[in-house]
Amino acid sequence: MLNSKELHERRKTRTRYQIKRKAEGRARLSVHRTGENIYAQIIDDAKGVTVAAASTLEADLRKKLKTGADKIAAAAVGKLVAERAKKAGYTQVVFDRGGCVFHGRVKELADAARAAGLDF
């Protein structure tokens, strides 16, 4: 029987495989969440570089937010990473949820990034 960490790794691997197959040269919006924070990165896999990143650990976000582990924080990170990606010239991305289910904080981050101008 596999434990929860091994199952999470399987889901993450399966998701990344499908994303890289269907990306068609677009950058990847990768989301990582912990119990206390949420992180987002725009990664250009063709060049192997991180184009833009945002997280609840940043000083300006920490001052505004009550906690880094709720939907409000996820929305703030989504909006911030979308603004930074647009500034770097990336408007079309593919969404990489990792091994997380697409609901709650992950969905809120995605919706905020879409509202801020990212297309995925």
N, C-alpha and C. Protein backbone atom coordinates (compact mmCIF):
# COMPACT_ATOMS: atom_id res chain seq x y z
N MET A 1 0.84 -1.18 0.00
CA MET A 1 0.00 0.00 0.00
C MET A 1 0.89 1.25 0.00
N LEU A 2 0.55 2.20 -0.86
CA LEU A 2 1.32 3.43 -0.95
C LEU A 2 0.84 4.44 0.08
N ASN A 3 1.78 5.20 0.63
CA ASN A 3 1.37 6.24 1.56
C ASN A 3 0.98 7.51 0.81
N SER A 4 0.51 8.51 1.52
CA SER A 4 -0.03 9.70 0.87
C SER A 4 1.04 10.48 0.11
N LYS A 5 2.26 10.49 0.61
CA LYS A 5 3.33 11.22 -0.09
C LYS A 5 3.65 10.56 -1.44
N GLU A 6 3.68 9.25 -1.46
CA GLU A 6 3.95 8.54 -2.72
C GLU A 6 2.80 8.74 -3.71
N LEU A 7 1.58 8.76 -3.24
CA LEU A 7 0.44 9.02 -4.11
C LEU A 7 0.49 10.43 -4.68
N HIS A 8 0.88 11.39 -3.84
CA HIS A 8 1.02 12.78 -4.29
C HIS A 8 2.08 12.88 -5.38
N GLU A 9 3.20 12.21 -5.20
CA GLU A 9 4.27 12.22 -6.21
C GLU A 9 3.80 11.60 -7.52
N ARG A 10 3.02 10.55 -7.46
CA ARG A 10 2.48 9.93 -8.67
C ARG A 10 1.57 10.90 -9.42
N ARG A 11 0.69 11.57 -8.69
CA ARG A 11 -0.22 12.54 -9.32
C ARG A 11 0.57 13.69 -9.93
N LYS A 12 1.60 14.15 -9.25
CA LYS A 12 2.42 15.25 -9.75
C LYS A 12 3.15 14.84 -11.04
N THR A 13 3.71 13.64 -11.05
CA THR A 13 4.42 13.15 -12.23
C THR A 13 3.47 13.00 -13.41
N ARG A 14 2.30 12.45 -13.16
CA ARG A 14 1.31 12.26 -14.22
C ARG A 14 0.85 13.60 -14.78
N THR A 15 0.63 14.57 -13.92
CA THR A 15 0.19 15.89 -14.35
C THR A 15 1.28 16.57 -15.18
N ARG A 16 2.51 16.54 -14.72
CA ARG A 16 3.61 17.18 -15.46
C ARG A 16 3.82 16.54 -16.83
N TYR A 17 3.67 15.23 -16.91
CA TYR A 17 3.82 14.55 -18.19
C TYR A 17 2.78 15.06 -19.19
N GLN A 18 1.54 15.14 -18.77
CA GLN A 18 0.48 15.62 -19.65
C GLN A 18 0.69 17.09 -20.04
N ILE A 19 1.14 17.89 -19.11
CA ILE A 19 1.36 19.31 -19.38
C ILE A 19 2.46 19.49 -20.41
N LYS A 20 3.57 18.80 -20.25
CA LYS A 20 4.68 18.94 -21.19
C LYS A 20 4.30 18.43 -22.58
N ARG A 21 3.42 17.43 -22.64
CA ARG A 21 2.95 16.93 -23.93
C ARG A 21 2.09 17.95 -24.65
N LYS A 22 1.28 18.68 -23.91
CA LYS A 22 0.30 19.56 -24.52
C LYS A 22 0.65 21.04 -24.43
N ALA A 23 1.82 21.36 -23.94
CA ALA A 23 2.18 22.76 -23.69
C ALA A 23 2.33 23.57 -24.96
N GLU A 24 2.82 22.98 -26.03
CA GLU A 24 3.01 23.67 -27.31
C GLU A 24 3.86 24.93 -27.17
N GLY A 25 4.93 24.85 -26.38
CA GLY A 25 5.87 25.94 -26.25
C GLY A 25 5.48 27.01 -25.25
N ARG A 26 4.36 26.85 -24.57
CA ARG A 26 3.94 27.84 -23.58
C ARG A 26 4.67 27.62 -22.26
N ALA A 27 4.77 28.67 -21.49
CA ALA A 27 5.38 28.58 -20.16
C ALA A 27 4.40 27.88 -19.23
N ARG A 28 4.90 27.48 -18.07
CA ARG A 28 4.11 26.70 -17.11
C ARG A 28 3.93 27.51 -15.83
N LEU A 29 2.68 27.62 -15.37
CA LEU A 29 2.39 28.24 -14.08
C LEU A 29 2.31 27.13 -13.05
N SER A 30 3.36 27.00 -12.26
CA SER A 30 3.47 25.92 -11.28
C SER A 30 3.06 26.43 -9.91
N VAL A 31 2.19 25.66 -9.24
CA VAL A 31 1.69 26.03 -7.92
C VAL A 31 2.15 25.00 -6.89
N HIS A 32 2.63 25.50 -5.77
CA HIS A 32 3.01 24.64 -4.64
C HIS A 32 2.36 25.22 -3.40
N ARG A 33 1.72 24.36 -2.62
CA ARG A 33 1.09 24.85 -1.41
C ARG A 33 1.53 24.02 -0.22
N THR A 34 1.66 24.69 0.90
CA THR A 34 1.95 24.01 2.16
C THR A 34 0.84 24.38 3.13
N GLY A 35 0.95 23.92 4.34
CA GLY A 35 -0.06 24.25 5.33
C GLY A 35 -0.03 25.70 5.75
N GLU A 36 1.08 26.38 5.52
CA GLU A 36 1.22 27.76 5.97
C GLU A 36 1.36 28.78 4.86
N ASN A 37 1.76 28.37 3.65
CA ASN A 37 2.03 29.31 2.56
C ASN A 37 1.62 28.73 1.23
N ILE A 38 1.62 29.59 0.20
CA ILE A 38 1.38 29.14 -1.16
C ILE A 38 2.37 29.86 -2.08
N TYR A 39 2.88 29.15 -3.05
CA TYR A 39 3.92 29.65 -3.95
C TYR A 39 3.47 29.45 -5.39
N ALA A 40 3.84 30.37 -6.28
CA ALA A 40 3.54 30.23 -7.71
C ALA A 40 4.74 30.71 -8.51
N GLN A 41 5.02 29.99 -9.59
CA GLN A 41 6.14 30.35 -10.48
C GLN A 41 5.69 30.20 -11.92
N ILE A 42 6.18 31.09 -12.77
CA ILE A 42 6.03 30.94 -14.22
C ILE A 42 7.38 30.42 -14.70
N ILE A 43 7.39 29.21 -15.27
CA ILE A 43 8.62 28.55 -15.69
C ILE A 43 8.60 28.35 -17.19
N ASP A 44 9.64 28.80 -17.86
CA ASP A 44 9.80 28.54 -19.29
C ASP A 44 10.67 27.30 -19.43
N ASP A 45 10.04 26.15 -19.70
CA ASP A 45 10.76 24.88 -19.76
C ASP A 45 11.70 24.80 -20.96
N ALA A 46 11.40 25.51 -22.03
CA ALA A 46 12.27 25.48 -23.20
C ALA A 46 13.62 26.11 -22.89
N LYS A 47 13.60 27.21 -22.13
CA LYS A 47 14.83 27.89 -21.76
C LYS A 47 15.38 27.39 -20.43
N GLY A 48 14.53 26.77 -19.62
CA GLY A 48 14.96 26.27 -18.33
C GLY A 48 15.12 27.36 -17.28
N VAL A 49 14.27 28.40 -17.34
CA VAL A 49 14.38 29.51 -16.41
C VAL A 49 13.03 29.80 -15.77
N THR A 50 13.09 30.36 -14.57
CA THR A 50 11.89 30.87 -13.91
C THR A 50 11.74 32.33 -14.31
N VAL A 51 10.62 32.63 -14.93
CA VAL A 51 10.38 33.97 -15.46
C VAL A 51 9.83 34.90 -14.39
N ALA A 52 8.87 34.41 -13.61
CA ALA A 52 8.24 35.22 -12.57
C ALA A 52 7.87 34.31 -11.41
N ALA A 53 7.85 34.87 -10.23
CA ALA A 53 7.48 34.08 -9.05
C ALA A 53 6.82 34.99 -8.02
N ALA A 54 5.98 34.39 -7.19
CA ALA A 54 5.35 35.10 -6.09
C ALA A 54 5.00 34.10 -5.01
N SER A 55 4.98 34.57 -3.77
CA SER A 55 4.58 33.70 -2.67
C SER A 55 4.09 34.55 -1.51
N THR A 56 3.48 33.89 -0.56
CA THR A 56 2.99 34.59 0.62
C THR A 56 4.12 34.94 1.59
N LEU A 57 5.33 34.56 1.28
CA LEU A 57 6.48 34.89 2.13
C LEU A 57 7.04 36.28 1.84
N GLU A 58 6.57 36.91 0.77
CA GLU A 58 7.08 38.23 0.42
C GLU A 58 6.61 39.27 1.44
N ALA A 59 7.48 40.20 1.74
CA ALA A 59 7.22 41.15 2.82
C ALA A 59 5.96 41.98 2.60
N ASP A 60 5.75 42.49 1.38
CA ASP A 60 4.58 43.34 1.15
C ASP A 60 3.27 42.55 1.27
N LEU A 61 3.27 41.29 0.88
CA LEU A 61 2.07 40.46 1.03
C LEU A 61 1.84 40.07 2.48
N ARG A 62 2.89 39.80 3.19
CA ARG A 62 2.76 39.39 4.60
C ARG A 62 2.11 40.49 5.44
N LYS A 63 2.42 41.75 5.11
CA LYS A 63 1.83 42.86 5.85
C LYS A 63 0.33 42.98 5.59
N LYS A 64 -0.09 42.71 4.36
CA LYS A 64 -1.49 42.85 3.98
C LYS A 64 -2.36 41.68 4.44
N LEU A 65 -1.79 40.49 4.49
CA LEU A 65 -2.57 39.28 4.74
C LEU A 65 -2.58 38.89 6.21
N LYS A 66 -3.71 38.32 6.63
CA LYS A 66 -3.81 37.81 7.99
C LYS A 66 -3.02 36.52 8.13
N THR A 67 -3.12 35.64 7.12
CA THR A 67 -2.40 34.37 7.11
C THR A 67 -2.01 34.05 5.66
N GLY A 68 -1.03 33.21 5.49
CA GLY A 68 -0.60 32.83 4.15
C GLY A 68 -1.25 31.56 3.66
N ALA A 69 -2.22 31.04 4.42
CA ALA A 69 -2.77 29.73 4.10
C ALA A 69 -4.28 29.76 3.90
N ASP A 70 -4.80 30.83 3.28
CA ASP A 70 -6.23 30.85 2.99
C ASP A 70 -6.47 31.29 1.55
N LYS A 71 -7.74 31.33 1.17
CA LYS A 71 -8.08 31.66 -0.21
C LYS A 71 -7.75 33.10 -0.57
N ILE A 72 -7.85 33.98 0.38
CA ILE A 72 -7.52 35.40 0.13
C ILE A 72 -6.04 35.53 -0.21
N ALA A 73 -5.19 34.83 0.50
CA ALA A 73 -3.75 34.85 0.23
C ALA A 73 -3.46 34.24 -1.13
N ALA A 74 -4.14 33.16 -1.47
CA ALA A 74 -3.93 32.51 -2.77
C ALA A 74 -4.32 33.44 -3.91
N ALA A 75 -5.41 34.17 -3.74
CA ALA A 75 -5.83 35.12 -4.77
C ALA A 75 -4.81 36.24 -4.93
N ALA A 76 -4.26 36.72 -3.83
CA ALA A 76 -3.25 37.78 -3.90
C ALA A 76 -2.00 37.30 -4.62
N VAL A 77 -1.58 36.07 -4.36
CA VAL A 77 -0.41 35.51 -5.03
C VAL A 77 -0.69 35.32 -6.51
N GLY A 78 -1.88 34.84 -6.86
CA GLY A 78 -2.25 34.66 -8.27
C GLY A 78 -2.22 35.96 -9.04
N LYS A 79 -2.77 37.01 -8.45
CA LYS A 79 -2.77 38.32 -9.10
C LYS A 79 -1.36 38.85 -9.27
N LEU A 80 -0.54 38.70 -8.25
CA LEU A 80 0.84 39.21 -8.29
C LEU A 80 1.68 38.47 -9.33
N VAL A 81 1.58 37.15 -9.38
CA VAL A 81 2.37 36.39 -10.35
C VAL A 81 1.91 36.69 -11.77
N ALA A 82 0.62 36.93 -11.98
CA ALA A 82 0.12 37.28 -13.31
C ALA A 82 0.66 38.63 -13.76
N GLU A 83 0.68 39.59 -12.85
CA GLU A 83 1.22 40.91 -13.19
C GLU A 83 2.70 40.82 -13.56
N ARG A 84 3.44 40.04 -12.80
CA ARG A 84 4.88 39.89 -13.09
C ARG A 84 5.11 39.14 -14.39
N ALA A 85 4.28 38.17 -14.70
CA ALA A 85 4.42 37.43 -15.96
C ALA A 85 4.11 38.33 -17.15
N LYS A 86 3.08 39.14 -17.04
CA LYS A 86 2.74 40.06 -18.12
C LYS A 86 3.85 41.07 -18.34
N LYS A 87 4.45 41.51 -17.25
CA LYS A 87 5.57 42.46 -17.34
C LYS A 87 6.75 41.82 -18.07
N ALA A 88 6.95 40.51 -17.88
CA ALA A 88 8.04 39.79 -18.53
C ALA A 88 7.68 39.37 -19.96
N GLY A 89 6.42 39.59 -20.37
CA GLY A 89 6.03 39.30 -21.75
C GLY A 89 5.36 37.95 -21.94
N TYR A 90 4.89 37.33 -20.89
CA TYR A 90 4.22 36.03 -20.98
C TYR A 90 2.74 36.22 -20.62
N THR A 91 1.87 35.92 -21.59
CA THR A 91 0.43 36.02 -21.33
C THR A 91 -0.25 34.67 -21.44
N GLN A 92 0.33 33.74 -22.18
CA GLN A 92 -0.26 32.41 -22.32
C GLN A 92 0.61 31.39 -21.59
N VAL A 93 -0.01 30.65 -20.69
CA VAL A 93 0.68 29.64 -19.91
C VAL A 93 -0.18 28.39 -19.82
N VAL A 94 0.42 27.32 -19.32
CA VAL A 94 -0.34 26.12 -18.96
C VAL A 94 -0.29 26.02 -17.44
N PHE A 95 -1.38 25.54 -16.86
CA PHE A 95 -1.49 25.51 -15.40
C PHE A 95 -1.02 24.16 -14.88
N ASP A 96 -0.04 24.20 -13.99
CA ASP A 96 0.51 22.99 -13.37
C ASP A 96 0.12 23.00 -11.90
N ARG A 97 -0.88 22.20 -11.56
CA ARG A 97 -1.36 22.15 -10.18
C ARG A 97 -0.54 21.20 -9.34
N GLY A 98 0.45 20.55 -9.93
CA GLY A 98 1.26 19.59 -9.20
C GLY A 98 0.43 18.38 -8.85
N GLY A 99 0.51 17.92 -7.65
CA GLY A 99 -0.29 16.78 -7.23
C GLY A 99 -1.53 17.19 -6.47
N CYS A 100 -1.82 18.49 -6.44
CA CYS A 100 -2.97 18.99 -5.67
C CYS A 100 -4.24 18.91 -6.50
N VAL A 101 -5.35 18.74 -5.82
CA VAL A 101 -6.65 18.75 -6.48
C VAL A 101 -7.01 20.19 -6.81
N PHE A 102 -7.70 20.40 -7.94
CA PHE A 102 -8.04 21.75 -8.39
C PHE A 102 -9.29 22.24 -7.67
N HIS A 103 -9.15 22.63 -6.43
CA HIS A 103 -10.21 23.28 -5.67
C HIS A 103 -9.57 24.02 -4.51
N GLY A 104 -10.35 24.82 -3.84
CA GLY A 104 -9.83 25.56 -2.70
C GLY A 104 -8.81 26.61 -3.08
N ARG A 105 -7.66 26.58 -2.42
CA ARG A 105 -6.63 27.60 -2.63
C ARG A 105 -6.04 27.54 -4.03
N VAL A 106 -5.89 26.34 -4.58
CA VAL A 106 -5.32 26.21 -5.92
C VAL A 106 -6.26 26.82 -6.96
N LYS A 107 -7.53 26.56 -6.83
CA LYS A 107 -8.52 27.12 -7.76
C LYS A 107 -8.60 28.64 -7.60
N GLU A 108 -8.54 29.13 -6.40
CA GLU A 108 -8.60 30.57 -6.15
C GLU A 108 -7.40 31.28 -6.78
N LEU A 109 -6.21 30.69 -6.69
CA LEU A 109 -5.02 31.25 -7.31
C LEU A 109 -5.19 31.28 -8.82
N ALA A 110 -5.70 30.20 -9.40
CA ALA A 110 -5.90 30.14 -10.85
C ALA A 110 -6.91 31.18 -11.32
N ASP A 111 -8.01 31.32 -10.60
CA ASP A 111 -9.03 32.30 -10.98
C ASP A 111 -8.49 33.73 -10.90
N ALA A 112 -7.70 34.03 -9.88
CA ALA A 112 -7.12 35.37 -9.75
C ALA A 112 -6.11 35.64 -10.86
N ALA A 113 -5.33 34.63 -11.25
CA ALA A 113 -4.37 34.80 -12.33
C ALA A 113 -5.09 35.03 -13.66
N ARG A 114 -6.18 34.31 -13.88
CA ARG A 114 -6.97 34.52 -15.10
C ARG A 114 -7.56 35.94 -15.11
N ALA A 115 -8.10 36.37 -13.98
CA ALA A 115 -8.70 37.70 -13.91
C ALA A 115 -7.67 38.80 -14.12
N ALA A 116 -6.42 38.54 -13.75
CA ALA A 116 -5.36 39.53 -13.92
C ALA A 116 -4.76 39.52 -15.32
N GLY A 117 -5.21 38.61 -16.19
CA GLY A 117 -4.78 38.68 -17.58
C GLY A 117 -4.03 37.50 -18.13
N LEU A 118 -3.77 36.46 -17.34
CA LEU A 118 -3.11 35.27 -17.88
C LEU A 118 -4.13 34.40 -18.59
N ASP A 119 -3.71 33.78 -19.67
CA ASP A 119 -4.60 32.93 -20.47
C ASP A 119 -4.14 31.50 -20.36
N PHE A 120 -5.00 30.64 -19.78
CA PHE A 120 -4.73 29.22 -19.71
C PHE A 120 -6.03 28.46 -19.58
